N, C-alpha and C. Protein backbone atom coordinates (compact mmCIF):
# COMPACT_ATOMS: atom_id res chain seq x y z
N MET A 1 -12.92 -87.12 -13.15
CA MET A 1 -12.35 -87.43 -14.22
C MET A 1 -11.51 -87.63 -15.24
N ASP A 2 -10.87 -86.49 -15.13
CA ASP A 2 -9.78 -85.81 -15.75
C ASP A 2 -8.22 -87.28 -14.89
N MET A 3 -8.70 -87.53 -13.94
CA MET A 3 -7.60 -87.34 -12.92
C MET A 3 -7.55 -89.07 -12.94
N MET A 4 -8.32 -89.79 -13.27
CA MET A 4 -8.30 -91.15 -13.79
C MET A 4 -7.61 -91.81 -14.43
N TRP A 5 -6.98 -90.16 -15.52
CA TRP A 5 -6.69 -91.18 -16.94
C TRP A 5 -5.16 -89.97 -16.67
N SER A 6 -5.13 -89.36 -15.77
CA SER A 6 -3.55 -89.12 -15.45
C SER A 6 -2.38 -89.65 -14.87
N ASP A 7 -1.23 -89.43 -15.34
CA ASP A 7 0.00 -89.60 -15.19
C ASP A 7 -0.30 -89.87 -13.69
N LYS A 8 -0.04 -89.06 -13.19
CA LYS A 8 0.32 -89.01 -11.62
C LYS A 8 -0.87 -89.73 -10.97
N TYR A 9 -2.38 -89.82 -11.15
CA TYR A 9 -3.32 -90.58 -10.34
C TYR A 9 -3.96 -91.88 -10.94
N GLY A 10 -4.14 -91.87 -11.75
CA GLY A 10 -4.60 -92.63 -13.06
C GLY A 10 -3.68 -93.74 -12.96
N LYS A 11 -4.25 -95.20 -13.07
CA LYS A 11 -4.26 -96.37 -13.61
C LYS A 11 -3.61 -96.63 -15.06
N PRO A 12 -2.76 -96.80 -15.08
CA PRO A 12 -1.84 -97.56 -17.04
C PRO A 12 -2.86 -98.37 -17.14
N MET A 13 -3.96 -99.25 -16.85
CA MET A 13 -4.38 -100.01 -17.59
C MET A 13 -5.75 -99.10 -17.70
N LEU A 14 -6.21 -97.89 -17.07
CA LEU A 14 -7.54 -97.60 -17.72
C LEU A 14 -7.19 -97.18 -18.39
N ARG A 15 -5.55 -96.12 -19.08
CA ARG A 15 -5.37 -95.29 -19.87
C ARG A 15 -5.68 -96.59 -21.48
N ALA A 16 -5.02 -97.72 -21.30
CA ALA A 16 -4.23 -98.50 -22.00
C ALA A 16 -5.95 -99.28 -22.52
N ALA A 17 -6.67 -99.01 -21.88
CA ALA A 17 -7.72 -99.75 -22.21
C ALA A 17 -8.94 -99.10 -22.47
N MET A 18 -9.04 -97.71 -22.58
CA MET A 18 -9.97 -96.61 -23.27
C MET A 18 -9.07 -95.67 -23.14
N PRO A 19 -9.37 -94.14 -24.26
CA PRO A 19 -8.62 -92.86 -24.00
C PRO A 19 -9.74 -92.10 -23.20
N LEU A 20 -9.52 -91.36 -22.95
CA LEU A 20 -10.28 -90.85 -21.99
C LEU A 20 -11.53 -89.77 -22.81
N LYS A 21 -11.40 -89.24 -23.81
CA LYS A 21 -12.01 -88.84 -24.93
C LYS A 21 -13.60 -89.79 -25.31
N PRO A 22 -12.90 -91.15 -25.76
CA PRO A 22 -14.19 -92.72 -26.30
C PRO A 22 -14.87 -92.39 -25.20
N PHE A 23 -14.16 -92.59 -24.09
CA PHE A 23 -14.58 -93.21 -22.17
C PHE A 23 -16.01 -92.21 -21.90
N LEU A 24 -15.39 -90.96 -22.26
CA LEU A 24 -16.95 -89.50 -21.90
C LEU A 24 -17.53 -89.43 -23.20
N ARG A 25 -17.48 -89.97 -24.55
CA ARG A 25 -18.33 -90.06 -25.45
C ARG A 25 -19.18 -91.34 -25.42
N PHE A 26 -18.60 -92.52 -24.61
CA PHE A 26 -19.66 -93.68 -24.43
C PHE A 26 -20.65 -93.07 -23.39
N PHE A 27 -19.53 -92.52 -21.88
CA PHE A 27 -20.01 -92.48 -20.77
C PHE A 27 -21.90 -91.37 -20.32
N SER A 28 -21.54 -90.21 -22.02
CA SER A 28 -22.70 -89.45 -21.47
C SER A 28 -23.86 -90.31 -22.52
N CYS A 29 -23.40 -91.12 -23.37
CA CYS A 29 -24.94 -92.06 -24.50
C CYS A 29 -24.95 -92.78 -23.39
N CYS A 30 -24.39 -93.67 -22.37
CA CYS A 30 -25.19 -94.92 -21.77
C CYS A 30 -25.86 -94.65 -20.61
N ARG A 31 -27.03 -95.41 -21.09
CA ARG A 31 -28.19 -95.21 -19.87
C ARG A 31 -27.58 -96.68 -18.76
N PHE A 32 -28.16 -95.86 -17.50
CA PHE A 32 -27.92 -97.03 -16.09
C PHE A 32 -29.30 -97.37 -15.30
N ASP A 33 -29.96 -96.68 -15.66
CA ASP A 33 -31.63 -97.88 -15.43
C ASP A 33 -32.53 -98.01 -15.91
N ASP A 34 -33.36 -98.59 -15.84
CA ASP A 34 -34.92 -98.65 -16.44
C ASP A 34 -35.95 -98.04 -15.57
N LYS A 35 -36.39 -96.88 -16.15
CA LYS A 35 -37.90 -95.94 -15.47
C LYS A 35 -38.44 -96.71 -14.82
N ALA A 36 -39.08 -97.55 -15.55
CA ALA A 36 -40.31 -98.53 -15.08
C ALA A 36 -39.87 -98.93 -12.84
N THR A 37 -38.06 -99.41 -12.79
CA THR A 37 -37.81 -99.91 -11.90
C THR A 37 -37.00 -98.84 -10.78
N ARG A 38 -37.27 -97.65 -11.15
CA ARG A 38 -35.54 -96.76 -11.04
C ARG A 38 -36.47 -96.77 -9.30
N LYS A 39 -37.57 -96.16 -9.25
CA LYS A 39 -37.89 -96.04 -7.38
C LYS A 39 -37.38 -97.35 -6.41
N GLU A 40 -38.09 -98.32 -7.15
CA GLU A 40 -38.17 -99.67 -6.59
C GLU A 40 -36.17 -99.93 -5.71
N LYS A 41 -35.77 -99.80 -7.29
CA LYS A 41 -33.88 -100.14 -6.93
C LYS A 41 -33.12 -99.57 -5.44
N GLN A 42 -33.58 -97.96 -6.28
CA GLN A 42 -33.26 -97.20 -5.46
C GLN A 42 -33.84 -96.69 -4.10
N SER A 43 -34.76 -97.73 -3.20
CA SER A 43 -35.11 -97.76 -2.27
C SER A 43 -34.72 -98.76 -1.58
N VAL A 44 -34.08 -99.44 -2.52
CA VAL A 44 -33.28 -100.86 -1.94
C VAL A 44 -31.41 -100.39 -2.00
N ASP A 45 -31.57 -100.18 -3.22
CA ASP A 45 -29.51 -99.71 -3.45
C ASP A 45 -29.49 -99.13 -4.18
N LYS A 46 -28.69 -97.68 -3.47
CA LYS A 46 -28.43 -96.71 -4.28
C LYS A 46 -27.60 -96.85 -5.68
N LEU A 47 -26.73 -97.76 -5.36
CA LEU A 47 -25.97 -97.55 -6.51
C LEU A 47 -26.44 -99.10 -8.04
N ALA A 48 -27.52 -99.56 -7.68
CA ALA A 48 -28.00 -100.36 -8.70
C ALA A 48 -28.06 -100.58 -9.73
N PRO A 49 -27.91 -99.02 -10.08
CA PRO A 49 -28.24 -99.23 -12.02
C PRO A 49 -26.39 -99.29 -12.28
N ILE A 50 -25.29 -98.57 -11.64
CA ILE A 50 -24.58 -98.97 -11.89
C ILE A 50 -23.96 -100.47 -11.67
N CYS A 51 -24.50 -101.29 -10.54
CA CYS A 51 -24.35 -102.04 -10.59
C CYS A 51 -24.62 -102.87 -11.70
N LEU A 52 -25.42 -103.01 -12.01
CA LEU A 52 -26.04 -103.76 -12.64
C LEU A 52 -25.63 -103.16 -14.18
N MET A 53 -25.46 -102.51 -14.77
CA MET A 53 -23.98 -101.85 -15.95
C MET A 53 -22.52 -102.79 -15.43
N MET A 54 -22.54 -102.80 -14.50
CA MET A 54 -21.03 -103.40 -14.19
C MET A 54 -20.90 -105.33 -14.73
N TYR A 55 -22.14 -105.63 -14.15
CA TYR A 55 -22.43 -106.81 -14.42
C TYR A 55 -22.57 -107.12 -15.79
N ASN A 56 -23.07 -106.08 -15.67
CA ASN A 56 -23.35 -106.57 -17.77
C ASN A 56 -22.14 -106.65 -18.24
N PHE A 57 -21.08 -105.59 -18.64
CA PHE A 57 -19.99 -105.32 -18.72
C PHE A 57 -18.96 -106.39 -18.53
N VAL A 58 -19.42 -106.97 -17.47
CA VAL A 58 -17.84 -108.16 -17.25
C VAL A 58 -18.56 -109.59 -18.00
N ASP A 59 -20.03 -109.57 -17.46
CA ASP A 59 -20.42 -110.39 -18.39
C ASP A 59 -19.44 -111.06 -19.94
N LYS A 60 -20.01 -109.59 -20.47
CA LYS A 60 -20.04 -109.86 -22.08
C LYS A 60 -17.96 -109.48 -22.03
N CYS A 61 -17.43 -108.79 -21.39
CA CYS A 61 -15.68 -109.10 -21.08
C CYS A 61 -16.00 -110.68 -20.99
N ALA A 62 -15.99 -111.77 -20.31
CA ALA A 62 -15.90 -112.73 -19.93
C ALA A 62 -16.36 -114.17 -21.30
N LYS A 63 -17.12 -113.35 -21.55
CA LYS A 63 -17.82 -114.21 -23.44
C LYS A 63 -16.91 -113.95 -24.34
N ALA A 64 -16.00 -112.03 -24.70
CA ALA A 64 -15.45 -111.51 -25.36
C ALA A 64 -14.47 -112.12 -25.45
N TYR A 65 -13.63 -112.53 -24.18
CA TYR A 65 -12.44 -112.78 -24.17
C TYR A 65 -11.07 -114.16 -23.66
N THR A 66 -11.11 -114.80 -24.30
CA THR A 66 -10.32 -116.21 -23.61
C THR A 66 -8.97 -115.99 -22.86
N THR A 67 -8.41 -116.96 -21.95
CA THR A 67 -6.97 -116.82 -21.14
C THR A 67 -6.53 -117.84 -21.41
N SER A 68 -4.95 -118.10 -21.51
CA SER A 68 -4.30 -119.37 -22.25
C SER A 68 -3.04 -119.31 -20.90
N ARG A 69 -3.07 -120.29 -21.21
CA ARG A 69 -1.78 -121.30 -19.59
C ARG A 69 -1.05 -119.95 -19.58
N LEU A 70 -0.66 -118.92 -20.33
CA LEU A 70 0.18 -118.21 -20.62
C LEU A 70 -0.14 -116.38 -19.76
N HIS A 71 -1.23 -116.23 -19.76
CA HIS A 71 -1.77 -115.19 -19.52
C HIS A 71 -1.74 -115.52 -17.58
N ARG A 72 -1.38 -113.43 -17.80
CA ARG A 72 -1.18 -113.87 -15.87
C ARG A 72 -2.05 -112.23 -15.57
N ILE A 73 -2.87 -112.45 -14.05
CA ILE A 73 -3.29 -111.42 -14.14
C ILE A 73 -2.45 -110.72 -12.51
N ARG A 74 -2.21 -109.34 -12.78
CA ARG A 74 -1.74 -108.52 -11.91
C ARG A 74 -2.37 -107.71 -10.96
N VAL A 75 -2.86 -107.92 -9.99
CA VAL A 75 -3.70 -107.23 -8.96
C VAL A 75 -2.34 -105.95 -8.30
N CYS A 76 -3.81 -104.30 -8.59
CA CYS A 76 -2.80 -104.01 -8.14
C CYS A 76 -3.05 -102.87 -7.26
């Protein structure tokens, strides 16, 4: 995990978005799945819990942030 925030291997955007310690605190508290549907989802897609969390995250980001005509997106 530390390598993702390192100067050598990590992305500057990741370090700018959230420092490592707050991310680790968040990561230790967040739940990735629903116990009631865990077995069913794992039989179909082993990454389903993480994908669902990411879809929710992206949806909330889209609702929280708006771009202007001057906004640029850089693909790394």
